[in-house]
Amino acid sequence: MLENLSSVLIFLFVFLILVDLIKNKAPKNFPPGPPWSLPFVGDLFRIDSNRIHLQMFAKQYGNIFSIRIGQRIVVLNGLQLVKEALVEHGENFAVRPTVPLSEDITLDKGLVASGGYQWKQQRRFALSTLRNFGLGKKSLESQIQVECRFLNDVIDKSQGQPFEPISVVNNAVANIISCLVFGDRFDYSNSYFQRLLKLMNEAIYLEGSIWAQLYNMFPWLMRRLPGPHKKIFSHWAIVIDFVKLKIKEHKEDWDPSTPRDYIDKNVPNCRFNEDNLCSCTLDLFAAGTETTSATLNWALLYMIKYPEIQEKVQAEIDKVLGPSHPATMADRANMPYTDAVIHEIQRMGNIIPLNVPRMAVKDTTIGGYTIPKGTMVMGTLQSVLFDESEWEAPFTFNPGHFLDEEGKFKRRDAFLPFSAGSRMCLGEPLARMELFLFFTSLLQQFTFFSPPGVEPTLEFKIGFTLQPKGYKKMTHIRTKCSV
């Protein structure tokens, strides 16, 4: 009996390995990659999850290569290949792959994970709605200026003592997107909202962990096993409940004659059921908070690390704005050095190094190789923002990358922090406005530096986004009068 059972188990094991090998056999003219992979887990063992964006095998296999992490993935490196796929063949890569973790978190695909007609309609509606409520207009600019004053007041209350900037910066940025989608801002002393932001930040971090990768490879198993991946679901459940509560409140006091925000504009729209509205709202809230706040936290860290650059930014602010005039977007054209510093922060900060993955909707030739329909594709932003053929000193923090010989701001083709093509970040105009206004307001009012004996470090932690790891505390001195 035991011998028969052993024989059956050995047969099943060998059978499953053969099925896995046949299923994942590389098709003809497929991009090169590691010559062999382990059954089921593929090349996962080759990847350091803490440095995944730095070691994607390009030096060994070239700028286009393939790896197996549960499924075959084609990785594109460098400006030329990324633009070829996402811009020249953008329609062929306008769909997101199926990701079990994302599908199990929300009841609907929302803005980020949807594709085809549904995605086009939702994106168009989101853009038009956000424009109606101020995106790209003076009204939103004024709203951000007000939030700048709130943020400055909170920092000023530390009276020059060391303080932790991440939570207050996150709150400030979250308040802008909150006003657009919820119609409300939240005070910095609101412990419930602070907890929501903390849970959201941790969930996004865990989504880039090895546990999340295992979940996407073996969802049927990981759903039943304990582990850190369970926190992803519990954290998002609390944030989703908050979004659902806001939708419920909007439905109860909805006035069709005076829509207040994104949710109000969606209430009567039969194209969006409540699950879809919740998912789209969650996407806007999370994406509109996480990436911009992470960039601003990198900005403060880089200013501490490079005080001579901070001084030059402040000198330009003094020259153009003076001590008390709040910056407007119209001032940016007269502040090329500050603009260049912000761009260099975005480049070096490298918030989404691997980009959000796409999927080929038809067989497509990229870089001379065939990418079959249904293949996941990752056009890595890390490789573009640090492309040695595009940047003079790619691994050095150098605002000169964005300045010409006369000191005027210059655009760079390889500056793609918001990705490229039809699925580039729809929040780019909002992020640009927030980064300029918050950054200039902070440096107009404060000079930031580390507490005595603390050396700033540019170490990072990587989840779905790249976050600064190197500072728990910072301090400041008051440089100007209050805005």
Protein backbone atom coordinates (compact mmCIF):
# COMPACT_ATOMS: atom_id res chain seq x y z
CA MET A 1 0.00 0.00 0.00
CA LEU A 2 2.76 2.44 0.98
CA GLU A 3 4.78 1.49 -2.09
CA ASN A 4 1.77 2.20 -4.31
CA LEU A 5 1.22 5.58 -2.62
CA SER A 6 4.89 6.49 -3.04
CA SER A 7 4.77 5.55 -6.71
CA VAL A 8 1.66 7.68 -7.22
CA LEU A 9 3.25 10.68 -5.49
CA ILE A 10 6.48 10.33 -7.50
CA PHE A 11 4.46 10.07 -10.70
CA LEU A 12 2.41 13.16 -9.84
CA PHE A 13 5.53 15.11 -8.94
CA VAL A 14 7.30 14.22 -12.19
CA PHE A 15 4.11 14.87 -14.16
CA LEU A 16 3.68 18.33 -12.64
CA ILE A 17 7.31 19.22 -13.37
CA LEU A 18 6.90 18.15 -17.00
CA VAL A 19 3.67 20.15 -17.32
CA ASP A 20 5.42 23.18 -15.82
CA LEU A 21 8.38 22.84 -18.22
CA ILE A 22 6.13 22.45 -21.28
CA LYS A 23 3.82 25.28 -20.21
CA ASN A 24 6.71 27.69 -19.67
CA LYS A 25 8.85 26.72 -22.64
CA ALA A 26 10.12 29.89 -24.31
CA PRO A 27 8.44 30.50 -27.69
CA LYS A 28 10.38 31.11 -30.89
CA ASN A 29 12.38 34.39 -31.07
CA PHE A 30 11.58 35.16 -27.43
CA PRO A 31 13.92 37.57 -25.54
CA PRO A 32 16.85 35.77 -23.87
CA GLY A 33 17.02 35.05 -20.16
CA PRO A 34 18.47 32.63 -17.61
CA PRO A 35 19.11 29.25 -19.28
CA TRP A 36 17.21 27.32 -16.64
CA SER A 37 14.60 28.05 -13.98
CA LEU A 38 13.27 26.07 -11.07
CA PRO A 39 9.90 24.38 -11.50
CA PHE A 40 6.95 26.45 -10.30
CA VAL A 41 8.97 29.32 -8.73
CA GLY A 42 10.95 30.13 -11.88
CA ASP A 43 13.68 32.73 -11.33
CA LEU A 44 12.35 34.07 -8.05
CA PHE A 45 15.37 32.67 -6.20
CA ARG A 46 17.70 34.81 -8.35
CA ILE A 47 16.15 38.09 -7.22
CA ASP A 48 16.99 40.10 -4.12
CA SER A 49 13.63 41.67 -3.28
CA ASN A 50 15.40 44.54 -1.49
CA ARG A 51 17.33 45.47 -4.66
CA ILE A 52 15.07 44.16 -7.39
CA HIS A 53 15.21 47.34 -9.50
CA LEU A 54 19.02 47.35 -9.48
CA GLN A 55 19.70 43.84 -10.69
CA MET A 56 17.40 43.01 -13.56
CA PHE A 57 20.05 41.08 -15.54
CA ALA A 58 20.48 43.66 -18.32
CA LYS A 59 24.29 43.48 -18.24
CA GLN A 60 24.18 39.74 -18.86
CA TYR A 61 21.31 39.42 -21.34
CA GLY A 62 20.95 42.88 -22.88
CA ASN A 63 18.33 45.61 -22.61
CA ILE A 64 15.49 43.26 -23.48
CA PHE A 65 15.34 39.95 -21.63
CA SER A 66 12.90 37.54 -20.02
CA ILE A 67 12.54 36.01 -16.59
CA ARG A 68 10.06 33.68 -14.95
CA ILE A 69 8.28 34.71 -11.76
CA GLY A 70 5.22 32.51 -11.84
CA GLN A 71 4.79 33.48 -15.49
CA ARG A 72 7.12 34.66 -18.24
CA ILE A 73 7.88 38.38 -18.01
CA VAL A 74 9.67 40.46 -20.62
CA VAL A 75 11.75 43.29 -19.12
CA LEU A 76 12.60 46.36 -21.21
CA ASN A 77 15.50 48.60 -20.24
CA GLY A 78 16.59 51.97 -21.61
CA LEU A 79 14.75 54.88 -23.18
CA GLN A 80 14.71 53.51 -26.72
CA LEU A 81 13.04 50.16 -25.89
CA VAL A 82 10.64 51.60 -23.32
CA LYS A 83 9.38 54.25 -25.78
CA GLU A 84 9.21 51.70 -28.61
CA ALA A 85 6.86 49.53 -26.55
CA LEU A 86 4.83 52.06 -24.57
CA VAL A 87 4.57 54.86 -27.15
CA GLU A 88 5.12 53.48 -30.67
CA HIS A 89 3.21 50.26 -29.89
CA GLY A 90 1.22 51.73 -27.00
CA GLU A 91 -2.14 50.23 -28.01
CA ASN A 92 -0.57 46.76 -27.99
CA PHE A 93 0.46 47.22 -24.34
CA ALA A 94 -2.45 49.22 -22.94
CA VAL A 95 -3.83 46.38 -20.81
CA ARG A 96 -2.82 45.34 -17.30
CA PRO A 97 -2.00 41.68 -16.62
CA THR A 98 -4.12 39.67 -14.23
CA VAL A 99 -2.66 39.99 -10.73
CA PRO A 100 -4.38 37.74 -8.15
CA LEU A 101 -3.38 39.94 -5.21
CA SER A 102 -4.97 43.06 -6.71
CA GLU A 103 -8.08 41.16 -7.76
CA ASP A 104 -8.53 39.78 -4.24
CA ILE A 105 -8.12 43.20 -2.60
CA THR A 106 -10.92 45.00 -4.45
CA LEU A 107 -14.23 43.92 -5.91
CA ASP A 108 -13.63 45.76 -9.17
CA LYS A 109 -10.61 46.54 -11.33
CA GLY A 110 -10.95 50.31 -10.91
CA LEU A 111 -8.73 52.77 -12.79
CA VAL A 112 -5.36 51.07 -12.39
CA ALA A 113 -6.13 47.43 -13.20
CA SER A 114 -8.90 47.73 -15.79
CA GLY A 115 -8.37 47.67 -19.55
CA GLY A 116 -10.10 48.15 -22.86
CA TYR A 117 -13.29 50.16 -23.17
CA GLN A 118 -13.94 50.21 -19.42
CA TRP A 119 -10.53 51.71 -18.70
CA LYS A 120 -10.82 54.33 -21.46
CA GLN A 121 -14.22 55.47 -20.20
CA GLN A 122 -13.13 55.59 -16.57
CA ARG A 123 -9.91 57.45 -17.32
CA ARG A 124 -11.72 60.01 -19.50
CA PHE A 125 -14.37 60.51 -16.82
CA ALA A 126 -11.80 60.86 -14.03
CA LEU A 127 -9.78 63.44 -15.96
CA SER A 128 -12.80 65.54 -16.90
CA THR A 129 -14.18 65.39 -13.35
CA LEU A 130 -10.88 66.37 -11.74
CA ARG A 131 -10.56 69.27 -14.19
CA ASN A 132 -14.06 70.41 -13.24
CA PHE A 133 -12.92 70.59 -9.63
CA GLY A 134 -9.79 72.58 -10.30
CA LEU A 135 -7.09 70.37 -11.81
CA GLY A 136 -4.84 72.71 -13.75
CA LYS A 137 -6.76 75.79 -12.58
CA LYS A 138 -6.16 78.68 -10.19
CA SER A 139 -8.76 77.36 -7.75
CA LEU A 140 -6.72 74.22 -7.05
CA GLU A 141 -3.53 76.26 -6.90
CA SER A 142 -5.09 78.40 -4.16
CA GLN A 143 -6.18 75.27 -2.32
CA ILE A 144 -2.63 73.90 -2.34
CA GLN A 145 -1.29 77.26 -1.14
CA VAL A 146 -3.66 77.07 1.84
CA GLU A 147 -2.46 73.55 2.61
CA CYS A 148 1.13 74.80 2.39
CA ARG A 149 0.36 77.25 5.19
CA PHE A 150 -1.14 74.47 7.34
CA LEU A 151 1.94 72.32 6.77
CA ASN A 152 4.32 75.18 7.58
CA ASP A 153 2.42 75.92 10.78
CA VAL A 154 2.71 72.31 11.93
CA ILE A 155 6.45 72.26 11.24
CA ASP A 156 6.92 75.62 12.93
CA LYS A 157 5.33 74.27 16.12
CA SER A 158 8.34 71.97 16.55
CA GLN A 159 10.27 75.19 17.35
CA GLY A 160 13.46 73.97 15.74
CA GLN A 161 13.49 70.67 17.64
CA PRO A 162 14.01 67.39 15.76
CA PHE A 163 10.79 66.06 14.25
CA GLU A 164 9.65 63.27 11.96
CA PRO A 165 8.51 64.80 8.65
CA ILE A 166 7.00 61.82 6.86
CA SER A 167 3.58 61.72 8.53
CA VAL A 168 2.87 65.46 8.22
CA VAL A 169 4.03 65.57 4.59
CA ASN A 170 1.83 62.55 3.80
CA ASN A 171 -1.13 64.26 5.46
CA ALA A 172 -0.59 67.49 3.51
CA VAL A 173 -0.45 65.71 0.15
CA ALA A 174 -3.37 63.42 1.03
CA ASN A 175 -5.49 66.47 1.83
CA ILE A 176 -5.25 67.74 -1.76
CA ILE A 177 -6.52 64.55 -3.40
CA SER A 178 -9.01 64.14 -0.54
CA CYS A 179 -10.58 67.50 -1.38
CA LEU A 180 -10.91 66.43 -5.02
CA VAL A 181 -12.43 63.01 -4.40
CA PHE A 182 -14.07 63.31 -0.95
CA GLY A 183 -14.67 67.06 -0.66
CA ASP A 184 -12.84 67.15 2.70
CA ARG A 185 -9.41 67.82 4.16
CA PHE A 186 -8.26 66.25 7.43
CA ASP A 187 -6.47 67.98 10.27
CA TYR A 188 -2.94 66.85 11.09
CA SER A 189 -4.11 65.93 14.59
CA ASN A 190 -6.78 63.57 13.22
CA SER A 191 -5.48 60.24 14.55
CA TYR A 192 -7.96 58.19 12.49
CA PHE A 193 -6.80 59.72 9.21
CA GLN A 194 -3.15 59.42 10.26
CA ARG A 195 -3.75 55.71 10.90
CA LEU A 196 -5.37 55.29 7.48
CA LEU A 197 -2.35 56.83 5.79
CA LYS A 198 0.02 54.65 7.79
CA LEU A 199 -1.92 51.47 6.93
CA MET A 200 -2.04 52.44 3.26
CA ASN A 201 1.70 53.12 3.21
CA GLU A 202 2.50 49.78 4.84
CA ALA A 203 0.16 47.89 2.49
CA ILE A 204 1.82 49.44 -0.57
CA TYR A 205 5.22 48.54 0.86
CA LEU A 206 4.17 44.93 1.44
CA GLU A 207 2.81 44.67 -2.10
CA GLY A 208 6.41 44.76 -3.30
CA SER A 209 7.56 42.04 -0.90
CA ILE A 210 8.45 38.42 -1.59
CA TRP A 211 5.20 37.45 0.13
CA ALA A 212 3.18 39.34 -2.45
CA GLN A 213 5.14 37.65 -5.25
CA LEU A 214 4.41 34.24 -3.75
CA TYR A 215 0.74 35.15 -3.46
CA ASN A 216 0.55 36.04 -7.16
CA MET A 217 2.31 32.78 -8.07
CA PHE A 218 0.32 30.49 -5.78
CA PRO A 219 -2.91 32.32 -4.84
CA TRP A 220 -4.80 29.10 -4.14
CA LEU A 221 -2.19 28.19 -1.51
CA MET A 222 -1.33 31.61 -0.07
CA ARG A 223 -5.00 32.40 0.60
CA ARG A 224 -4.90 29.60 3.15
CA LEU A 225 -1.51 30.28 4.70
CA PRO A 226 -0.66 32.84 7.43
CA GLY A 227 2.04 35.43 6.83
CA PRO A 228 2.74 39.13 6.28
CA HIS A 229 0.66 39.04 3.08
CA LYS A 230 -2.44 38.83 5.27
CA LYS A 231 -1.68 42.37 6.48
CA ILE A 232 -2.10 43.65 2.92
CA PHE A 233 -5.73 42.57 2.97
CA SER A 234 -6.50 43.69 6.52
CA HIS A 235 -4.91 47.11 5.92
CA TRP A 236 -6.71 47.70 2.62
CA ALA A 237 -10.00 46.52 4.14
CA ILE A 238 -9.86 49.38 6.65
CA VAL A 239 -9.04 51.94 3.93
CA ILE A 240 -11.81 50.54 1.69
CA ASP A 241 -14.31 50.82 4.57
CA PHE A 242 -13.35 54.49 4.86
CA VAL A 243 -13.99 55.02 1.13
CA LYS A 244 -17.32 53.18 1.34
CA LEU A 245 -18.35 55.37 4.28
CA LYS A 246 -17.57 58.50 2.26
CA ILE A 247 -19.65 57.19 -0.66
CA LYS A 248 -22.53 56.43 1.72
CA GLU A 249 -22.37 59.95 3.19
CA HIS A 250 -22.37 61.46 -0.30
CA LYS A 251 -25.41 59.45 -1.36
CA GLU A 252 -27.32 60.59 1.72
CA ASP A 253 -26.85 64.34 1.14
CA TRP A 254 -26.31 64.38 -2.63
CA ASP A 255 -27.56 67.48 -4.43
CA PRO A 256 -27.50 67.07 -8.23
CA SER A 257 -27.42 70.83 -8.73
CA THR A 258 -24.17 71.32 -6.79
CA PRO A 259 -21.72 68.42 -7.18
CA ARG A 260 -18.86 68.85 -4.73
CA ASP A 261 -16.26 66.31 -5.83
CA TYR A 262 -15.43 63.16 -7.78
CA ILE A 263 -17.84 60.96 -5.77
CA ASP A 264 -20.75 63.37 -6.28
CA LYS A 265 -20.21 63.35 -10.04
CA ASN A 266 -20.35 59.54 -10.00
CA VAL A 267 -23.45 59.08 -7.83
CA PRO A 268 -26.02 59.36 -10.66
CA ASN A 269 -23.89 57.70 -13.31
CA CYS A 270 -25.32 54.32 -14.22
CA ARG A 271 -22.06 53.28 -15.92
CA PHE A 272 -20.40 52.94 -12.53
CA ASN A 273 -21.74 50.57 -9.90
CA GLU A 274 -20.80 51.13 -6.28
CA ASP A 275 -17.96 48.58 -6.30
CA ASN A 276 -16.49 50.30 -9.33
CA LEU A 277 -16.86 53.73 -7.76
CA CYS A 278 -15.16 52.47 -4.59
CA SER A 279 -12.25 50.98 -6.56
CA CYS A 280 -11.76 54.07 -8.74
CA THR A 281 -11.93 56.39 -5.73
CA LEU A 282 -9.46 54.19 -3.85
CA ASP A 283 -7.06 54.26 -6.82
CA LEU A 284 -7.19 58.06 -7.02
CA PHE A 285 -6.77 58.48 -3.26
CA ALA A 286 -3.89 55.99 -2.90
CA ALA A 287 -1.98 56.96 -6.05
CA GLY A 288 -2.57 60.67 -5.46
CA THR A 289 -1.11 60.39 -1.96
CA GLU A 290 1.69 57.83 -2.09
CA THR A 291 3.85 58.90 -5.02
CA THR A 292 3.83 62.67 -4.42
CA SER A 293 4.37 62.39 -0.67
CA ALA A 294 7.27 59.96 -1.24
CA THR A 295 8.82 62.45 -3.69
CA LEU A 296 8.51 65.32 -1.22
CA ASN A 297 10.10 63.21 1.51
CA TRP A 298 12.98 62.48 -0.86
CA ALA A 299 13.14 66.21 -1.57
CA LEU A 300 13.68 67.10 2.09
CA LEU A 301 16.27 64.35 2.44
CA TYR A 302 18.22 65.54 -0.61
CA MET A 303 18.16 69.13 0.69
CA ILE A 304 19.63 67.91 3.99
CA LYS A 305 22.23 65.84 2.14
CA TYR A 306 23.21 68.71 -0.17
CA PRO A 307 22.95 71.96 1.83
CA GLU A 308 24.74 73.95 -0.90
CA ILE A 309 21.91 73.08 -3.30
CA GLN A 310 19.32 74.01 -0.67
CA GLU A 311 21.02 77.41 -0.33
CA LYS A 312 20.92 78.02 -4.09
CA VAL A 313 17.22 77.14 -4.22
CA GLN A 314 16.54 79.55 -1.35
CA ALA A 315 18.54 82.29 -3.06
CA GLU A 316 16.37 81.93 -6.17
CA ILE A 317 13.21 81.91 -4.05
CA ASP A 318 14.36 85.11 -2.31
CA LYS A 319 15.09 86.76 -5.65
CA VAL A 320 11.81 85.83 -7.36
CA LEU A 321 9.30 85.57 -4.49
CA GLY A 322 10.79 87.49 -1.59
CA PRO A 323 10.13 86.53 2.03
CA SER A 324 6.34 86.32 2.05
CA HIS A 325 4.87 86.08 -1.46
CA PRO A 326 3.45 82.54 -1.95
CA ALA A 327 4.64 80.82 -5.10
CA THR A 328 2.26 80.35 -8.02
CA MET A 329 2.66 78.09 -11.02
CA ALA A 330 3.30 81.21 -13.11
CA ASP A 331 6.48 81.76 -11.05
CA ARG A 332 7.99 78.44 -12.14
CA ALA A 333 9.17 79.85 -15.48
CA ASN A 334 11.23 82.43 -13.57
CA MET A 335 12.74 79.82 -11.22
CA PRO A 336 14.73 77.47 -13.50
CA TYR A 337 17.13 76.27 -10.81
CA THR A 338 14.32 75.33 -8.39
CA ASP A 339 12.49 73.60 -11.24
CA ALA A 340 15.66 71.71 -12.16
CA VAL A 341 16.18 70.60 -8.55
CA ILE A 342 12.61 69.27 -8.35
CA HIS A 343 13.09 67.34 -11.59
CA GLU A 344 16.39 65.90 -10.36
CA ILE A 345 14.70 64.84 -7.11
CA GLN A 346 12.07 63.00 -9.15
CA ARG A 347 14.76 61.38 -11.29
CA MET A 348 16.94 60.25 -8.39
CA GLY A 349 13.97 59.44 -6.14
CA ASN A 350 12.84 56.94 -8.78
CA ILE A 351 9.52 56.35 -7.03
CA ILE A 352 8.20 53.50 -9.20
CA PRO A 353 11.40 51.86 -10.49
CA LEU A 354 9.82 48.87 -12.23
CA ASN A 355 6.81 50.79 -13.58
CA VAL A 356 3.29 49.35 -13.43
CA PRO A 357 3.28 46.18 -15.58
CA ARG A 358 1.50 45.92 -18.93
CA MET A 359 0.35 42.95 -20.99
CA ALA A 360 0.65 42.37 -24.72
CA VAL A 361 -2.81 42.22 -26.34
CA LYS A 362 -1.33 40.86 -29.59
CA ASP A 363 1.96 39.43 -30.83
CA THR A 364 4.37 42.38 -31.11
CA THR A 365 7.98 42.74 -32.20
CA ILE A 366 10.11 44.88 -29.88
CA GLY A 367 13.86 45.25 -30.23
CA GLY A 368 13.90 42.49 -32.83
CA TYR A 369 12.27 39.94 -30.51
CA THR A 370 8.71 38.60 -30.55
CA ILE A 371 6.55 39.24 -27.50
CA PRO A 372 3.53 36.89 -27.74
CA LYS A 373 -0.01 37.93 -26.85
CA GLY A 374 -0.71 37.57 -23.12
CA THR A 375 2.91 38.16 -22.01
CA MET A 376 3.54 40.49 -19.07
CA VAL A 377 5.85 43.37 -19.99
CA MET A 378 7.76 45.68 -17.64
CA GLY A 379 9.25 48.84 -19.15
CA THR A 380 11.46 49.77 -16.20
CA LEU A 381 11.61 53.46 -15.33
CA GLN A 382 14.78 52.85 -13.32
CA SER A 383 16.61 52.02 -16.54
CA VAL A 384 15.38 55.21 -18.24
CA LEU A 385 15.99 57.62 -15.37
CA PHE A 386 19.55 56.25 -14.98
CA ASP A 387 20.24 55.49 -18.64
CA GLU A 388 23.98 56.09 -19.06
CA SER A 389 23.52 57.02 -22.71
CA GLU A 390 21.02 59.76 -21.80
CA TRP A 391 22.40 61.38 -18.64
CA GLU A 392 25.80 63.00 -18.15
CA ALA A 393 26.17 61.75 -14.57
CA PRO A 394 23.23 59.37 -14.04
CA PHE A 395 24.16 58.23 -10.52
CA THR A 396 24.98 61.70 -9.18
CA PHE A 397 22.47 64.21 -7.83
CA ASN A 398 23.01 66.99 -10.33
CA PRO A 399 20.35 69.66 -11.08
CA GLY A 400 22.54 70.61 -14.07
CA HIS A 401 20.92 67.72 -15.93
CA PHE A 402 17.97 70.06 -16.45
CA LEU A 403 19.81 73.33 -17.12
CA ASP A 404 21.38 74.60 -20.32
CA GLU A 405 24.59 76.60 -20.59
CA GLU A 406 22.71 79.83 -19.86
CA GLY A 407 21.10 78.43 -16.71
CA LYS A 408 17.68 78.08 -18.33
CA PHE A 409 15.53 75.03 -17.71
CA LYS A 410 15.75 72.32 -20.38
CA ARG A 411 13.52 69.32 -20.90
CA ARG A 412 14.96 65.82 -21.24
CA ASP A 413 13.43 63.00 -23.29
CA ALA A 414 14.59 60.46 -20.70
CA PHE A 415 12.67 62.16 -17.87
CA LEU A 416 9.77 59.69 -17.56
CA PRO A 417 8.86 59.41 -13.85
CA PHE A 418 5.17 59.30 -14.82
CA SER A 419 5.77 56.56 -17.43
CA ALA A 420 4.80 57.08 -21.08
CA GLY A 421 2.12 56.30 -23.62
CA SER A 422 -1.62 56.03 -23.21
CA ARG A 423 -1.37 54.65 -19.66
CA MET A 424 0.99 57.24 -18.24
CA CYS A 425 -0.04 58.61 -14.85
CA LEU A 426 -3.26 60.63 -15.14
CA GLY A 427 -2.30 62.57 -12.02
CA GLU A 428 0.83 64.08 -13.57
CA PRO A 429 -0.53 67.68 -13.75
CA LEU A 430 -1.63 67.52 -10.10
CA ALA A 431 1.68 66.03 -8.96
CA ARG A 432 3.71 68.68 -10.79
CA MET A 433 1.66 71.45 -9.20
CA GLU A 434 1.92 69.96 -5.72
CA LEU A 435 5.65 69.34 -5.93
CA PHE A 436 6.45 72.89 -7.03
CA LEU A 437 4.15 74.67 -4.58
CA PHE A 438 4.91 72.52 -1.52
CA PHE A 439 8.67 72.46 -2.19
CA THR A 440 9.02 76.21 -2.71
CA SER A 441 6.80 76.98 0.28
CA LEU A 442 8.87 74.75 2.58
CA LEU A 443 12.22 76.16 1.46
CA GLN A 444 10.90 79.71 1.52
CA GLN A 445 10.11 79.28 5.20
CA PHE A 446 12.68 76.80 6.50
CA THR A 447 16.22 75.53 6.19
CA PHE A 448 16.32 71.80 6.89
CA PHE A 449 19.22 69.82 8.36
CA SER A 450 19.92 66.71 10.42
CA PRO A 451 20.13 66.83 14.21
CA PRO A 452 23.69 67.03 15.59
CA GLY A 453 25.59 63.79 15.19
CA VAL A 454 23.18 62.34 12.65
CA GLU A 455 24.52 61.74 9.15
CA PRO A 456 21.81 61.72 6.46
CA THR A 457 21.75 58.62 4.27
CA LEU A 458 20.07 57.99 0.94
CA GLU A 459 19.27 54.36 1.71
CA PHE A 460 15.83 53.27 0.57
CA LYS A 461 13.19 50.67 1.25
CA ILE A 462 11.39 49.19 -1.70
CA GLY A 463 7.84 47.96 -1.86
CA PHE A 464 5.57 48.82 -4.73
CA THR A 465 7.16 52.28 -4.46
CA LEU A 466 10.66 53.41 -3.48
CA GLN A 467 10.69 55.21 -0.12
CA PRO A 468 13.51 56.99 1.75
CA LYS A 469 14.73 54.87 4.61
CA GLY A 470 17.50 57.05 5.92
CA TYR A 471 15.92 59.55 8.26
CA LYS A 472 13.65 59.28 11.23
CA LYS A 473 14.19 62.84 12.41
CA MET A 474 15.12 66.20 10.92
CA THR A 475 15.19 69.72 12.22
CA HIS A 476 15.00 73.20 10.78
CA ILE A 477 15.60 76.85 11.41
CA ARG A 478 13.19 79.61 10.54
CA THR A 479 14.51 81.60 7.59
CA LYS A 480 11.70 83.98 6.64
CA CYS A 481 8.56 85.51 7.99
CA SER A 482 5.33 83.61 7.83
CA VAL A 483 3.55 83.27 4.50
